[in-house]
Amino acid sequence: MIQARALAKRYGDRRVFAGLDVDVPDGGFLLVTGPNGSGKTTLLRVLAGLAAPSAGELQLPPRHTIGYLGHEPLVYRELTPLENLTLFGRLYRLPERGERIGMLLERFGLWEVRHERVSTFSRGMQQRLGLCRVLLHEPTHLLLDEPYNALDAEGAALLDAVFQEHSFEEPRAWVIATHEPQRVDRYATERLAFA
């Protein structure tokens, strides 16, 4: 569960947001929308535990249960997809990670390029690998900031399938910020629109 009361965030004199109440129970899906610069990214960073709120109360799950995807895929460009996911699998201490890594690379269309350096990839392929990284440890709380960013039609369809499958499996809490709310609106249990 992710819960916040009277949440506020400031950067110096600039108020990003104030007085936000957020409830994302297990199985909940919070859809966050709004124009660029309205506070969506800042909110997700606070809810992921990556930035401290300026005020309010915040209850977050344990860090190892959170999967966060920001504007950058946060993968090592000098490594291959296989090396990246193996490294993250070790960091998460995943048992039998080889099978999980192979499944994700296959699922996101990266198996054939698993030995190529990420630096040679398009931005969309890097985003696919970032999604693999986020899903690798099977987090129960997923916070995705513009997850469709740079994905082509095939990549977007693969991400659509993730939402379709996970929405009815074991309860997960989702927080999705997107400029394409129509893609995920049917899963939303809560909505937050920034002006």
N, C-alpha and C. Protein backbone atom coordinates (compact mmCIF):
# COMPACT_ATOMS: atom_id res chain seq x y z
N MET A 1 0.83 -1.18 0.00
CA MET A 1 0.00 0.00 0.00
C MET A 1 0.88 1.25 0.00
N ILE A 2 0.48 2.23 -0.79
CA ILE A 2 1.12 3.54 -0.81
C ILE A 2 0.08 4.54 -0.33
N GLN A 3 0.44 5.31 0.70
CA GLN A 3 -0.51 6.24 1.27
C GLN A 3 0.18 7.54 1.64
N ALA A 4 -0.48 8.64 1.32
CA ALA A 4 0.05 9.96 1.66
C ALA A 4 -1.09 10.85 2.13
N ARG A 5 -0.77 11.73 3.08
CA ARG A 5 -1.73 12.69 3.58
C ARG A 5 -1.10 14.09 3.57
N ALA A 6 -1.82 15.03 2.98
CA ALA A 6 -1.39 16.43 2.92
C ALA A 6 0.04 16.56 2.38
N LEU A 7 0.33 15.77 1.37
CA LEU A 7 1.68 15.73 0.81
C LEU A 7 2.00 17.03 0.07
N ALA A 8 3.20 17.53 0.28
CA ALA A 8 3.64 18.75 -0.39
C ALA A 8 5.09 18.61 -0.80
N LYS A 9 5.45 19.31 -1.88
CA LYS A 9 6.83 19.33 -2.33
C LYS A 9 7.15 20.71 -2.88
N ARG A 10 8.26 21.24 -2.39
CA ARG A 10 8.76 22.55 -2.83
C ARG A 10 10.20 22.41 -3.25
N TYR A 11 10.61 23.22 -4.17
CA TYR A 11 12.02 23.41 -4.51
C TYR A 11 12.31 24.89 -4.31
N GLY A 12 12.88 25.22 -3.17
CA GLY A 12 13.10 26.62 -2.85
C GLY A 12 11.77 27.34 -2.69
N ASP A 13 11.58 28.41 -3.44
CA ASP A 13 10.32 29.16 -3.37
C ASP A 13 9.24 28.58 -4.27
N ARG A 14 9.62 27.61 -5.08
CA ARG A 14 8.67 27.07 -6.07
C ARG A 14 7.89 25.90 -5.48
N ARG A 15 6.58 26.04 -5.42
CA ARG A 15 5.72 24.96 -4.93
C ARG A 15 5.36 24.07 -6.11
N VAL A 16 5.66 22.79 -5.99
CA VAL A 16 5.32 21.83 -7.04
C VAL A 16 3.89 21.33 -6.82
N PHE A 17 3.58 20.92 -5.61
CA PHE A 17 2.22 20.54 -5.24
C PHE A 17 2.08 20.66 -3.73
N ALA A 18 0.85 20.72 -3.27
CA ALA A 18 0.58 20.81 -1.83
C ALA A 18 -0.79 20.21 -1.53
N GLY A 19 -0.91 19.67 -0.32
CA GLY A 19 -2.19 19.16 0.15
C GLY A 19 -2.70 17.92 -0.57
N LEU A 20 -1.80 17.11 -1.14
CA LEU A 20 -2.24 15.91 -1.87
C LEU A 20 -2.49 14.75 -0.92
N ASP A 21 -3.61 14.10 -1.09
CA ASP A 21 -3.90 12.84 -0.42
C ASP A 21 -3.86 11.74 -1.47
N VAL A 22 -3.12 10.69 -1.19
CA VAL A 22 -2.95 9.59 -2.14
C VAL A 22 -3.20 8.27 -1.41
N ASP A 23 -4.02 7.42 -2.01
CA ASP A 23 -4.26 6.07 -1.49
C ASP A 23 -4.17 5.10 -2.65
N VAL A 24 -3.17 4.23 -2.61
CA VAL A 24 -3.06 3.19 -3.63
C VAL A 24 -2.93 1.85 -2.89
N PRO A 25 -4.07 1.19 -2.64
CA PRO A 25 -4.01 -0.10 -1.93
C PRO A 25 -3.47 -1.19 -2.84
N ASP A 26 -3.14 -2.31 -2.26
CA ASP A 26 -2.75 -3.46 -3.08
C ASP A 26 -3.90 -3.77 -4.01
N GLY A 27 -3.59 -3.88 -5.29
CA GLY A 27 -4.62 -4.08 -6.29
C GLY A 27 -5.14 -2.78 -6.88
N GLY A 28 -4.70 -1.64 -6.32
CA GLY A 28 -5.14 -0.34 -6.82
C GLY A 28 -4.31 0.14 -7.99
N PHE A 29 -4.87 1.07 -8.74
CA PHE A 29 -4.22 1.60 -9.94
C PHE A 29 -4.49 3.10 -10.00
N LEU A 30 -3.47 3.90 -9.68
CA LEU A 30 -3.60 5.35 -9.72
C LEU A 30 -3.07 5.87 -11.05
N LEU A 31 -3.93 6.54 -11.79
CA LEU A 31 -3.56 7.15 -13.06
C LEU A 31 -3.33 8.64 -12.83
N VAL A 32 -2.11 9.10 -13.14
CA VAL A 32 -1.73 10.50 -12.93
C VAL A 32 -1.55 11.16 -14.29
N THR A 33 -2.27 12.26 -14.51
CA THR A 33 -2.19 12.97 -15.78
C THR A 33 -1.92 14.45 -15.52
N GLY A 34 -1.54 15.15 -16.59
CA GLY A 34 -1.29 16.58 -16.50
C GLY A 34 -0.22 16.99 -17.49
N PRO A 35 -0.10 18.28 -17.76
CA PRO A 35 0.89 18.76 -18.72
C PRO A 35 2.31 18.65 -18.18
N ASN A 36 3.27 18.81 -19.07
CA ASN A 36 4.68 18.82 -18.66
C ASN A 36 4.90 19.90 -17.62
N GLY A 37 5.69 19.58 -16.61
CA GLY A 37 6.02 20.56 -15.59
C GLY A 37 4.97 20.73 -14.51
N SER A 38 3.93 19.90 -14.52
CA SER A 38 2.83 20.07 -13.56
C SER A 38 3.08 19.36 -12.23
N GLY A 39 4.08 18.48 -12.16
CA GLY A 39 4.40 17.80 -10.91
C GLY A 39 4.28 16.29 -10.93
N LYS A 40 3.94 15.71 -12.08
CA LYS A 40 3.75 14.25 -12.16
C LYS A 40 5.03 13.49 -11.79
N THR A 41 6.13 13.87 -12.40
CA THR A 41 7.39 13.18 -12.16
C THR A 41 7.83 13.34 -10.72
N THR A 42 7.69 14.53 -10.19
CA THR A 42 8.07 14.77 -8.79
C THR A 42 7.24 13.91 -7.86
N LEU A 43 5.94 13.82 -8.12
CA LEU A 43 5.08 12.98 -7.28
C LEU A 43 5.54 11.53 -7.33
N LEU A 44 5.81 11.00 -8.51
CA LEU A 44 6.23 9.60 -8.60
C LEU A 44 7.56 9.37 -7.88
N ARG A 45 8.47 10.33 -7.98
CA ARG A 45 9.76 10.19 -7.28
C ARG A 45 9.55 10.18 -5.76
N VAL A 46 8.64 11.00 -5.28
CA VAL A 46 8.34 11.01 -3.84
C VAL A 46 7.70 9.68 -3.43
N LEU A 47 6.73 9.20 -4.23
CA LEU A 47 6.04 7.95 -3.90
C LEU A 47 6.94 6.72 -4.03
N ALA A 48 8.02 6.85 -4.80
CA ALA A 48 8.98 5.76 -4.93
C ALA A 48 10.06 5.82 -3.86
N GLY A 49 10.03 6.87 -3.03
CA GLY A 49 11.04 7.01 -1.99
C GLY A 49 12.34 7.59 -2.48
N LEU A 50 12.34 8.19 -3.67
CA LEU A 50 13.57 8.74 -4.25
C LEU A 50 13.73 10.23 -3.97
N ALA A 51 12.68 10.87 -3.50
CA ALA A 51 12.74 12.28 -3.11
C ALA A 51 11.90 12.45 -1.85
N ALA A 52 12.36 13.29 -0.96
CA ALA A 52 11.64 13.51 0.29
C ALA A 52 10.57 14.57 0.10
N PRO A 53 9.40 14.36 0.67
CA PRO A 53 8.38 15.42 0.61
C PRO A 53 8.78 16.59 1.49
N SER A 54 8.27 17.77 1.17
CA SER A 54 8.53 18.95 1.99
C SER A 54 7.61 18.98 3.20
N ALA A 55 6.44 18.37 3.08
CA ALA A 55 5.48 18.31 4.19
C ALA A 55 4.53 17.16 3.95
N GLY A 56 3.83 16.78 5.00
CA GLY A 56 2.84 15.73 4.89
C GLY A 56 3.33 14.41 5.46
N GLU A 57 2.45 13.44 5.48
CA GLU A 57 2.77 12.10 5.96
C GLU A 57 2.78 11.14 4.78
N LEU A 58 3.76 10.24 4.78
CA LEU A 58 3.94 9.32 3.67
C LEU A 58 4.21 7.93 4.21
N GLN A 59 3.42 6.97 3.75
CA GLN A 59 3.62 5.57 4.13
C GLN A 59 3.94 4.79 2.88
N LEU A 60 5.15 4.23 2.83
CA LEU A 60 5.61 3.49 1.65
C LEU A 60 5.90 2.04 2.02
N PRO A 61 5.81 1.16 1.04
CA PRO A 61 6.17 -0.24 1.27
C PRO A 61 7.69 -0.37 1.33
N PRO A 62 8.21 -1.53 1.71
CA PRO A 62 9.67 -1.74 1.70
C PRO A 62 10.25 -1.49 0.32
N ARG A 63 11.45 -0.94 0.30
CA ARG A 63 12.09 -0.53 -0.96
C ARG A 63 12.18 -1.67 -1.97
N HIS A 64 12.47 -2.88 -1.49
CA HIS A 64 12.68 -4.01 -2.42
C HIS A 64 11.38 -4.44 -3.12
N THR A 65 10.24 -3.92 -2.67
CA THR A 65 8.97 -4.28 -3.31
C THR A 65 8.55 -3.27 -4.38
N ILE A 66 9.39 -2.23 -4.57
CA ILE A 66 9.04 -1.16 -5.51
C ILE A 66 9.80 -1.33 -6.82
N GLY A 67 9.09 -1.15 -7.93
CA GLY A 67 9.71 -1.09 -9.25
C GLY A 67 9.43 0.30 -9.82
N TYR A 68 10.49 1.06 -10.12
CA TYR A 68 10.32 2.44 -10.58
C TYR A 68 10.98 2.63 -11.94
N LEU A 69 10.21 3.21 -12.85
CA LEU A 69 10.75 3.58 -14.16
C LEU A 69 10.54 5.07 -14.35
N GLY A 70 11.63 5.81 -14.45
CA GLY A 70 11.57 7.25 -14.67
C GLY A 70 11.68 7.58 -16.15
N HIS A 71 12.06 8.81 -16.42
CA HIS A 71 12.20 9.24 -17.83
C HIS A 71 13.37 8.57 -18.52
N GLU A 72 14.35 8.13 -17.75
CA GLU A 72 15.48 7.38 -18.29
C GLU A 72 15.33 5.92 -17.89
N PRO A 73 15.74 4.99 -18.77
CA PRO A 73 15.56 3.56 -18.45
C PRO A 73 16.50 3.05 -17.36
N LEU A 74 17.54 3.83 -17.00
CA LEU A 74 18.48 3.46 -15.95
C LEU A 74 19.11 2.09 -16.18
N VAL A 75 19.65 1.92 -17.36
CA VAL A 75 20.43 0.73 -17.67
C VAL A 75 21.83 1.18 -18.10
N TYR A 76 22.79 0.28 -17.99
CA TYR A 76 24.17 0.60 -18.32
C TYR A 76 24.40 0.44 -19.82
N ARG A 77 24.70 1.56 -20.46
CA ARG A 77 24.83 1.57 -21.92
C ARG A 77 26.03 0.77 -22.42
N GLU A 78 27.07 0.64 -21.61
CA GLU A 78 28.26 -0.10 -22.04
C GLU A 78 28.10 -1.61 -21.89
N LEU A 79 27.02 -2.04 -21.24
CA LEU A 79 26.75 -3.46 -21.08
C LEU A 79 25.71 -3.93 -22.09
N THR A 80 25.57 -5.23 -22.20
CA THR A 80 24.53 -5.83 -23.04
C THR A 80 23.26 -5.97 -22.22
N PRO A 81 22.13 -6.25 -22.87
CA PRO A 81 20.90 -6.50 -22.10
C PRO A 81 21.07 -7.66 -21.11
N LEU A 82 21.72 -8.72 -21.54
CA LEU A 82 21.92 -9.87 -20.67
C LEU A 82 22.78 -9.50 -19.47
N GLU A 83 23.85 -8.74 -19.71
CA GLU A 83 24.72 -8.32 -18.61
C GLU A 83 23.99 -7.37 -17.66
N ASN A 84 23.19 -6.46 -18.21
CA ASN A 84 22.43 -5.54 -17.38
C ASN A 84 21.50 -6.29 -16.44
N LEU A 85 20.69 -7.17 -16.99
CA LEU A 85 19.70 -7.86 -16.17
C LEU A 85 20.34 -8.85 -15.20
N THR A 86 21.47 -9.43 -15.60
CA THR A 86 22.20 -10.31 -14.68
C THR A 86 22.71 -9.50 -13.49
N LEU A 87 23.24 -8.31 -13.76
CA LEU A 87 23.71 -7.43 -12.69
C LEU A 87 22.56 -7.06 -11.74
N PHE A 88 21.44 -6.61 -12.31
CA PHE A 88 20.32 -6.24 -11.45
C PHE A 88 19.75 -7.45 -10.72
N GLY A 89 19.76 -8.61 -11.36
CA GLY A 89 19.31 -9.83 -10.69
C GLY A 89 20.17 -10.16 -9.48
N ARG A 90 21.48 -9.93 -9.61
CA ARG A 90 22.37 -10.17 -8.47
C ARG A 90 22.09 -9.16 -7.36
N LEU A 91 21.89 -7.90 -7.74
CA LEU A 91 21.61 -6.87 -6.74
C LEU A 91 20.33 -7.19 -5.96
N TYR A 92 19.34 -7.75 -6.67
CA TYR A 92 18.08 -8.12 -6.02
C TYR A 92 18.16 -9.51 -5.38
N ARG A 93 19.30 -10.18 -5.54
CA ARG A 93 19.50 -11.53 -4.99
C ARG A 93 18.42 -12.50 -5.46
N LEU A 94 18.13 -12.44 -6.75
CA LEU A 94 17.09 -13.30 -7.30
C LEU A 94 17.61 -14.71 -7.49
N PRO A 95 16.92 -15.69 -6.94
CA PRO A 95 17.30 -17.08 -7.22
C PRO A 95 16.84 -17.44 -8.63
N GLU A 96 17.58 -18.31 -9.28
CA GLU A 96 17.21 -18.77 -10.62
C GLU A 96 16.87 -17.61 -11.55
N ARG A 97 17.73 -16.60 -11.51
CA ARG A 97 17.45 -15.38 -12.29
C ARG A 97 17.61 -15.60 -13.79
N GLY A 98 18.40 -16.59 -14.19
CA GLY A 98 18.62 -16.83 -15.61
C GLY A 98 17.33 -17.07 -16.38
N GLU A 99 16.47 -17.86 -15.81
CA GLU A 99 15.19 -18.18 -16.46
C GLU A 99 14.31 -16.93 -16.55
N ARG A 100 14.25 -16.16 -15.46
CA ARG A 100 13.44 -14.94 -15.44
C ARG A 100 13.97 -13.92 -16.45
N ILE A 101 15.29 -13.78 -16.52
CA ILE A 101 15.92 -12.84 -17.47
C ILE A 101 15.59 -13.25 -18.89
N GLY A 102 15.75 -14.52 -19.19
CA GLY A 102 15.46 -15.01 -20.54
C GLY A 102 14.02 -14.77 -20.94
N MET A 103 13.11 -15.00 -20.00
CA MET A 103 11.69 -14.80 -20.27
C MET A 103 11.39 -13.34 -20.58
N LEU A 104 11.97 -12.43 -19.80
CA LEU A 104 11.71 -11.01 -20.02
C LEU A 104 12.32 -10.52 -21.34
N LEU A 105 13.53 -10.95 -21.64
CA LEU A 105 14.17 -10.54 -22.90
C LEU A 105 13.36 -11.05 -24.10
N GLU A 106 12.88 -12.26 -23.99
CA GLU A 106 12.05 -12.83 -25.06
C GLU A 106 10.74 -12.03 -25.17
N ARG A 107 10.13 -11.79 -24.05
CA ARG A 107 8.83 -11.11 -24.04
C ARG A 107 8.90 -9.72 -24.64
N PHE A 108 9.97 -8.98 -24.35
CA PHE A 108 10.09 -7.61 -24.83
C PHE A 108 10.88 -7.50 -26.14
N GLY A 109 11.05 -8.62 -26.82
CA GLY A 109 11.66 -8.59 -28.15
C GLY A 109 13.14 -8.25 -28.16
N LEU A 110 13.86 -8.61 -27.09
CA LEU A 110 15.29 -8.28 -27.00
C LEU A 110 16.19 -9.51 -26.97
N TRP A 111 15.60 -10.69 -27.12
CA TRP A 111 16.41 -11.91 -27.02
C TRP A 111 17.47 -11.97 -28.12
N GLU A 112 17.11 -11.59 -29.33
CA GLU A 112 18.06 -11.68 -30.45
C GLU A 112 19.23 -10.70 -30.30
N VAL A 113 19.04 -9.64 -29.51
CA VAL A 113 20.10 -8.64 -29.35
C VAL A 113 20.67 -8.67 -27.93
N ARG A 114 20.51 -9.78 -27.23
CA ARG A 114 20.90 -9.87 -25.83
C ARG A 114 22.40 -9.70 -25.60
N HIS A 115 23.23 -9.93 -26.66
CA HIS A 115 24.67 -9.81 -26.52
C HIS A 115 25.22 -8.52 -27.13
N GLU A 116 24.35 -7.63 -27.58
CA GLU A 116 24.79 -6.36 -28.17
C GLU A 116 24.80 -5.26 -27.12
N ARG A 117 25.74 -4.33 -27.28
CA ARG A 117 25.83 -3.24 -26.31
C ARG A 117 24.59 -2.34 -26.40
N VAL A 118 24.11 -1.94 -25.24
CA VAL A 118 22.93 -1.09 -25.18
C VAL A 118 23.18 0.26 -25.85
N SER A 119 24.42 0.69 -25.90
CA SER A 119 24.75 1.98 -26.53
C SER A 119 24.40 1.99 -28.02
N THR A 120 24.24 0.83 -28.62
CA THR A 120 23.87 0.77 -30.04
C THR A 120 22.35 0.75 -30.23
N PHE A 121 21.59 0.73 -29.14
CA PHE A 121 20.14 0.60 -29.22
C PHE A 121 19.47 1.94 -29.47
N SER A 122 18.31 1.87 -30.10
CA SER A 122 17.45 3.05 -30.21
C SER A 122 16.88 3.37 -28.83
N ARG A 123 16.34 4.56 -28.69
CA ARG A 123 15.74 4.95 -27.41
C ARG A 123 14.58 4.01 -27.04
N GLY A 124 13.82 3.58 -28.03
CA GLY A 124 12.72 2.68 -27.78
C GLY A 124 13.19 1.32 -27.28
N MET A 125 14.28 0.81 -27.83
CA MET A 125 14.82 -0.47 -27.35
C MET A 125 15.36 -0.33 -25.93
N GLN A 126 15.96 0.82 -25.64
CA GLN A 126 16.43 1.05 -24.28
C GLN A 126 15.26 1.10 -23.30
N GLN A 127 14.14 1.68 -23.74
CA GLN A 127 12.94 1.73 -22.89
C GLN A 127 12.43 0.33 -22.62
N ARG A 128 12.46 -0.51 -23.63
CA ARG A 128 12.04 -1.92 -23.43
C ARG A 128 12.91 -2.59 -22.38
N LEU A 129 14.22 -2.35 -22.46
CA LEU A 129 15.13 -2.94 -21.48
C LEU A 129 14.88 -2.36 -20.10
N GLY A 130 14.57 -1.06 -20.03
CA GLY A 130 14.22 -0.46 -18.75
C GLY A 130 12.99 -1.12 -18.14
N LEU A 131 12.02 -1.46 -18.96
CA LEU A 131 10.83 -2.17 -18.46
C LEU A 131 11.20 -3.56 -17.96
N CYS A 132 12.11 -4.24 -18.65
CA CYS A 132 12.59 -5.54 -18.17
C CYS A 132 13.23 -5.37 -16.79
N ARG A 133 14.05 -4.34 -16.64
CA ARG A 133 14.72 -4.08 -15.36
C ARG A 133 13.70 -3.88 -14.24
N VAL A 134 12.66 -3.10 -14.51
CA VAL A 134 11.65 -2.79 -13.50
C VAL A 134 10.87 -4.04 -13.09
N LEU A 135 10.57 -4.90 -14.05
CA LEU A 135 9.75 -6.09 -13.78
C LEU A 135 10.56 -7.28 -13.27
N LEU A 136 11.88 -7.20 -13.37
CA LEU A 136 12.76 -8.34 -13.10
C LEU A 136 12.50 -8.98 -11.74
N HIS A 137 12.42 -8.18 -10.68
CA HIS A 137 12.29 -8.74 -9.33
C HIS A 137 10.83 -8.90 -8.90
N GLU A 138 9.91 -8.81 -9.89
CA GLU A 138 8.49 -9.00 -9.64
C GLU A 138 7.98 -8.14 -8.49
N PRO A 139 8.16 -6.82 -8.61
CA PRO A 139 7.74 -5.93 -7.52
C PRO A 139 6.23 -5.92 -7.35
N THR A 140 5.81 -5.64 -6.14
CA THR A 140 4.38 -5.56 -5.84
C THR A 140 3.86 -4.13 -5.95
N HIS A 141 4.77 -3.17 -6.10
CA HIS A 141 4.40 -1.76 -6.24
C HIS A 141 5.15 -1.20 -7.44
N LEU A 142 4.41 -0.85 -8.48
CA LEU A 142 5.04 -0.36 -9.71
C LEU A 142 4.70 1.10 -9.94
N LEU A 143 5.73 1.91 -10.13
CA LEU A 143 5.56 3.33 -10.40
C LEU A 143 6.25 3.62 -11.72
N LEU A 144 5.46 3.93 -12.73
CA LEU A 144 5.98 4.10 -14.08
C LEU A 144 5.67 5.51 -14.58
N ASP A 145 6.72 6.25 -14.91
CA ASP A 145 6.58 7.62 -15.38
C ASP A 145 6.72 7.64 -16.89
N GLU A 146 5.63 7.91 -17.58
CA GLU A 146 5.59 7.92 -19.05
C GLU A 146 6.18 6.63 -19.63
N PRO A 147 5.62 5.48 -19.25
CA PRO A 147 6.20 4.21 -19.69
C PRO A 147 6.14 3.98 -21.20
N TYR A 148 5.22 4.68 -21.91
CA TYR A 148 5.12 4.51 -23.36
C TYR A 148 6.12 5.38 -24.11
N ASN A 149 6.89 6.18 -23.39
CA ASN A 149 7.84 7.09 -24.00
C ASN A 149 8.81 6.34 -24.93
N ALA A 150 8.87 6.78 -26.17
CA ALA A 150 9.81 6.27 -27.20
C ALA A 150 9.48 4.88 -27.72
N LEU A 151 8.43 4.25 -27.21
CA LEU A 151 8.08 2.92 -27.71
C LEU A 151 7.38 3.01 -29.06
N ASP A 152 7.76 2.12 -29.97
CA ASP A 152 7.03 2.03 -31.23
C ASP A 152 5.74 1.25 -30.99
N ALA A 153 4.96 1.05 -32.04
CA ALA A 153 3.66 0.38 -31.88
C ALA A 153 3.81 -1.01 -31.28
N GLU A 154 4.83 -1.74 -31.70
CA GLU A 154 5.04 -3.10 -31.17
C GLU A 154 5.40 -3.05 -29.69
N GLY A 155 6.30 -2.13 -29.33
CA GLY A 155 6.69 -1.99 -27.93
C GLY A 155 5.53 -1.56 -27.06
N ALA A 156 4.70 -0.64 -27.56
CA ALA A 156 3.53 -0.18 -26.81
C ALA A 156 2.55 -1.33 -26.60
N ALA A 157 2.39 -2.18 -27.62
CA ALA A 157 1.49 -3.33 -27.50
C ALA A 157 2.02 -4.31 -26.45
N LEU A 158 3.34 -4.48 -26.37
CA LEU A 158 3.93 -5.35 -25.35
C LEU A 158 3.64 -4.82 -23.95
N LEU A 159 3.75 -3.48 -23.80
CA LEU A 159 3.45 -2.88 -22.50
C LEU A 159 1.97 -2.98 -22.17
N ASP A 160 1.11 -2.80 -23.19
CA ASP A 160 -0.33 -2.99 -22.98
C ASP A 160 -0.60 -4.38 -22.40
N ALA A 161 0.09 -5.37 -22.92
CA ALA A 161 -0.10 -6.75 -22.46
C ALA A 161 0.29 -6.92 -21.00
N VAL A 162 1.34 -6.19 -20.57
CA VAL A 162 1.75 -6.25 -19.16
C VAL A 162 0.62 -5.76 -18.27
N PHE A 163 0.01 -4.64 -18.65
CA PHE A 163 -1.10 -4.11 -17.86
C PHE A 163 -2.28 -5.08 -17.86
N GLN A 164 -2.57 -5.65 -19.01
CA GLN A 164 -3.71 -6.57 -19.10
C GLN A 164 -3.50 -7.80 -18.22
N GLU A 165 -2.30 -8.35 -18.24
CA GLU A 165 -2.03 -9.57 -17.48
C GLU A 165 -1.95 -9.31 -15.99
N HIS A 166 -1.24 -8.25 -15.62
CA HIS A 166 -0.99 -8.02 -14.20
C HIS A 166 -2.19 -7.44 -13.47
N SER A 167 -3.13 -6.87 -14.20
CA SER A 167 -4.25 -6.25 -13.51
C SER A 167 -5.15 -7.26 -12.81
N PHE A 168 -5.07 -8.54 -13.22
CA PHE A 168 -5.95 -9.54 -12.63
C PHE A 168 -5.19 -10.63 -11.88
N GLU A 169 -3.87 -10.50 -11.82
CA GLU A 169 -3.08 -11.48 -11.08
C GLU A 169 -3.01 -11.08 -9.62
N GLU A 170 -1.99 -11.56 -8.93
CA GLU A 170 -1.83 -11.21 -7.53
C GLU A 170 -1.84 -9.69 -7.37
N PRO A 171 -2.39 -9.20 -6.28
CA PRO A 171 -2.57 -7.75 -6.14
C PRO A 171 -1.26 -6.97 -6.20
N ARG A 172 -1.25 -6.00 -7.07
CA ARG A 172 -0.13 -5.07 -7.16
C ARG A 172 -0.68 -3.66 -7.08
N ALA A 173 0.10 -2.77 -6.57
CA ALA A 173 -0.28 -1.36 -6.55
C ALA A 173 0.45 -0.67 -7.71
N TRP A 174 -0.30 0.04 -8.53
CA TRP A 174 0.25 0.71 -9.70
C TRP A 174 0.07 2.22 -9.57
N VAL A 175 1.10 2.96 -9.95
CA VAL A 175 1.00 4.41 -10.12
C VAL A 175 1.60 4.71 -11.48
N ILE A 176 0.78 5.19 -12.39
CA ILE A 176 1.22 5.42 -13.77
C ILE A 176 0.97 6.89 -14.13
N ALA A 177 2.02 7.57 -14.53
CA ALA A 177 1.89 8.93 -15.06
C ALA A 177 2.07 8.84 -16.57
N THR A 178 1.10 9.37 -17.31
CA THR A 178 1.19 9.23 -18.76
C THR A 178 0.45 10.35 -19.49
N HIS A 179 0.96 10.64 -20.69
CA HIS A 179 0.26 11.56 -21.60
C HIS A 179 -0.73 10.80 -22.47
N GLU A 180 -0.76 9.48 -22.32
CA GLU A 180 -1.68 8.64 -23.09
C GLU A 180 -2.63 7.91 -22.13
N PRO A 181 -3.43 8.65 -21.36
CA PRO A 181 -4.27 7.99 -20.36
C PRO A 181 -5.28 7.02 -20.95
N GLN A 182 -5.65 7.22 -22.21
CA GLN A 182 -6.64 6.32 -22.82
C GLN A 182 -6.13 4.88 -22.90
N ARG A 183 -4.82 4.70 -22.88
CA ARG A 183 -4.26 3.35 -22.98
C ARG A 183 -4.48 2.55 -21.70
N VAL A 184 -4.55 3.23 -20.57
CA VAL A 184 -4.63 2.51 -19.30
C VAL A 184 -5.83 2.92 -18.44
N ASP A 185 -6.65 3.82 -18.94
CA ASP A 185 -7.74 4.35 -18.13
C ASP A 185 -8.67 3.26 -17.61
N ARG A 186 -8.87 2.21 -18.38
CA ARG A 186 -9.81 1.16 -17.95
C ARG A 186 -9.32 0.41 -16.72
N TYR A 187 -8.02 0.50 -16.40
CA TYR A 187 -7.49 -0.18 -15.21
C TYR A 187 -7.53 0.71 -13.98
N ALA A 188 -7.71 2.01 -14.17
CA ALA A 188 -7.59 2.97 -13.07
C ALA A 188 -8.69 2.78 -12.03
N THR A 189 -8.26 2.70 -10.78
CA THR A 189 -9.21 2.72 -9.66
C THR A 189 -9.27 4.11 -9.05
N GLU A 190 -8.21 4.89 -9.27
CA GLU A 190 -8.14 6.28 -8.81
C GLU A 190 -7.49 7.11 -9.91
N ARG A 191 -7.86 8.40 -9.94
CA ARG A 191 -7.26 9.30 -10.93
C ARG A 191 -6.84 10.60 -10.25
N LEU A 192 -5.70 11.10 -10.67
CA LEU A 192 -5.20 12.38 -10.15
C LEU A 192 -4.75 13.20 -11.33
N ALA A 193 -5.39 14.35 -11.53
CA ALA A 193 -5.07 15.21 -12.67
C ALA A 193 -4.41 16.49 -12.17
N PHE A 194 -3.17 16.72 -12.61
CA PHE A 194 -2.49 17.98 -12.32
C PHE A 194 -2.89 19.01 -13.36
N ALA A 195 -3.00 20.25 -12.93
CA ALA A 195 -3.37 21.32 -13.85
C ALA A 195 -2.14 21.87 -14.56
